[in-house]
């Protein structure tokens, strides 16, 4: 197994890509409340599903993104 890359902005296919985003306090609290009420869901998974849904709705999603979207709809019970 190859160790994760330390190059800024590099992509590691196994781990994904880290996106550092600052959320407004109200939005962050809403995410925390939503996640707290759903066992097994974490904020990262919620944001992955939300971004995939946005991209699918905009019509520019690759097949991999559509898989995240469909998994969010049917796989995790979001």
C-alpha atoms as a PDB file:
ATOM      1  CA  UNK A   1       0.000   0.000   0.000  1.00  0.00           C
ATOM      2  CA  UNK A   2       1.297   3.445  -0.913  1.00  0.00           C
ATOM      3  CA  UNK A   3       1.521   5.994   1.918  1.00  0.00           C
ATOM      4  CA  UNK A   4      -0.695   9.075   1.566  1.00  0.00           C
ATOM      5  CA  UNK A   5       0.795  11.915  -0.425  1.00  0.00           C
ATOM      6  CA  UNK A   6       1.937  14.968   1.479  1.00  0.00           C
ATOM      7  CA  UNK A   7       1.819  17.247  -1.548  1.00  0.00           C
ATOM      8  CA  UNK A   8      -0.754  20.028  -0.996  1.00  0.00           C
ATOM      9  CA  UNK A   9      -3.774  19.422  -3.185  1.00  0.00           C
ATOM     10  CA  UNK A  10      -2.637  15.907  -4.105  1.00  0.00           C
ATOM     11  CA  UNK A  11      -5.268  13.226  -4.489  1.00  0.00           C
ATOM     12  CA  UNK A  12      -5.022   9.891  -2.739  1.00  0.00           C
ATOM     13  CA  UNK A  13      -7.551   7.536  -4.361  1.00  0.00           C
ATOM     14  CA  UNK A  14      -8.050   5.534  -1.158  1.00  0.00           C
ATOM     15  CA  UNK A  15      -8.477   8.426   1.267  1.00  0.00           C
ATOM     16  CA  UNK A  16     -10.040  11.041  -0.993  1.00  0.00           C
ATOM     17  CA  UNK A  17      -9.276  14.726  -0.881  1.00  0.00           C
ATOM     18  CA  UNK A  18      -9.507  16.923   2.167  1.00  0.00           C
ATOM     19  CA  UNK A  19     -11.543  20.074   1.624  1.00  0.00           C
ATOM     20  CA  UNK A  20     -11.128  22.671   4.348  1.00  0.00           C
ATOM     21  CA  UNK A  21     -14.329  24.703   4.520  1.00  0.00           C
ATOM     22  CA  UNK A  22     -15.478  27.172   7.119  1.00  0.00           C
ATOM     23  CA  UNK A  23     -19.232  27.011   7.645  1.00  0.00           C
ATOM     24  CA  UNK A  24     -21.335  29.821   9.079  1.00  0.00           C
ATOM     25  CA  UNK A  25     -22.209  29.073  12.715  1.00  0.00           C
ATOM     26  CA  UNK A  26     -25.926  28.562  11.994  1.00  0.00           C
ATOM     27  CA  UNK A  27     -25.202  26.095   9.191  1.00  0.00           C
ATOM     28  CA  UNK A  28     -22.639  24.213  11.287  1.00  0.00           C
ATOM     29  CA  UNK A  29     -25.148  23.932  14.154  1.00  0.00           C
ATOM     30  CA  UNK A  30     -27.815  22.645  11.759  1.00  0.00           C
ATOM     31  CA  UNK A  31     -25.417  20.000  10.439  1.00  0.00           C
ATOM     32  CA  UNK A  32     -24.443  18.978  13.987  1.00  0.00           C
ATOM     33  CA  UNK A  33     -28.095  18.699  15.024  1.00  0.00           C
ATOM     34  CA  UNK A  34     -29.017  16.667  11.944  1.00  0.00           C
ATOM     35  CA  UNK A  35     -26.093  14.290  12.414  1.00  0.00           C
ATOM     36  CA  UNK A  36     -26.750  13.916  16.159  1.00  0.00           C
ATOM     37  CA  UNK A  37     -30.286  12.716  15.457  1.00  0.00           C
ATOM     38  CA  UNK A  38     -29.139  10.018  13.013  1.00  0.00           C
ATOM     39  CA  UNK A  39     -26.905   7.292  14.451  1.00  0.00           C
ATOM     40  CA  UNK A  40     -24.233   6.107  12.062  1.00  0.00           C
ATOM     41  CA  UNK A  41     -24.130   9.340  10.065  1.00  0.00           C
ATOM     42  CA  UNK A  42     -21.176  11.695  10.284  1.00  0.00           C
ATOM     43  CA  UNK A  43     -20.779  15.283   9.036  1.00  0.00           C
ATOM     44  CA  UNK A  44     -18.361  14.238   6.298  1.00  0.00           C
ATOM     45  CA  UNK A  45     -20.777  11.707   4.864  1.00  0.00           C
ATOM     46  CA  UNK A  46     -23.605  14.228   4.993  1.00  0.00           C
ATOM     47  CA  UNK A  47     -21.549  16.804   3.093  1.00  0.00           C
ATOM     48  CA  UNK A  48     -20.411  14.206   0.526  1.00  0.00           C
ATOM     49  CA  UNK A  49     -24.007  13.286  -0.180  1.00  0.00           C
ATOM     50  CA  UNK A  50     -25.138  16.922  -0.353  1.00  0.00           C
ATOM     51  CA  UNK A  51     -22.354  17.832  -2.805  1.00  0.00           C
ATOM     52  CA  UNK A  52     -23.088  14.770  -4.933  1.00  0.00           C
ATOM     53  CA  UNK A  53     -26.785  15.701  -5.026  1.00  0.00           C
ATOM     54  CA  UNK A  54     -25.942  19.256  -6.100  1.00  0.00           C
ATOM     55  CA  UNK A  55     -23.656  18.034  -8.896  1.00  0.00           C
ATOM     56  CA  UNK A  56     -26.211  15.507 -10.144  1.00  0.00           C
ATOM     57  CA  UNK A  57     -28.931  18.180 -10.171  1.00  0.00           C
ATOM     58  CA  UNK A  58     -26.660  20.496 -12.173  1.00  0.00           C
ATOM     59  CA  UNK A  59     -26.188  17.791 -14.791  1.00  0.00           C
ATOM     60  CA  UNK A  60     -22.403  17.613 -14.701  1.00  0.00           C
ATOM     61  CA  UNK A  61     -21.882  14.574 -12.516  1.00  0.00           C
ATOM     62  CA  UNK A  62     -19.580  11.734 -13.473  1.00  0.00           C
ATOM     63  CA  UNK A  63     -20.717   8.155 -12.819  1.00  0.00           C
ATOM     64  CA  UNK A  64     -18.736   8.037  -9.561  1.00  0.00           C
ATOM     65  CA  UNK A  65     -20.572  11.112  -8.277  1.00  0.00           C
ATOM     66  CA  UNK A  66     -23.922   9.619  -9.244  1.00  0.00           C
ATOM     67  CA  UNK A  67     -23.010   6.547  -7.182  1.00  0.00           C
ATOM     68  CA  UNK A  68     -22.443   8.754  -4.098  1.00  0.00           C
ATOM     69  CA  UNK A  69     -25.790  10.412  -4.765  1.00  0.00           C
ATOM     70  CA  UNK A  70     -27.684   7.132  -5.112  1.00  0.00           C
ATOM     71  CA  UNK A  71     -25.949   5.666  -2.065  1.00  0.00           C
ATOM     72  CA  UNK A  72     -27.051   8.712  -0.106  1.00  0.00           C
ATOM     73  CA  UNK A  73     -30.623   8.221  -1.232  1.00  0.00           C
ATOM     74  CA  UNK A  74     -30.881   4.485  -0.747  1.00  0.00           C
ATOM     75  CA  UNK A  75     -27.833   3.308   1.190  1.00  0.00           C
ATOM     76  CA  UNK A  76     -27.631   5.483   4.288  1.00  0.00           C
ATOM     77  CA  UNK A  77     -31.185   6.626   4.799  1.00  0.00           C
ATOM     78  CA  UNK A  78     -30.414  10.339   4.614  1.00  0.00           C
END
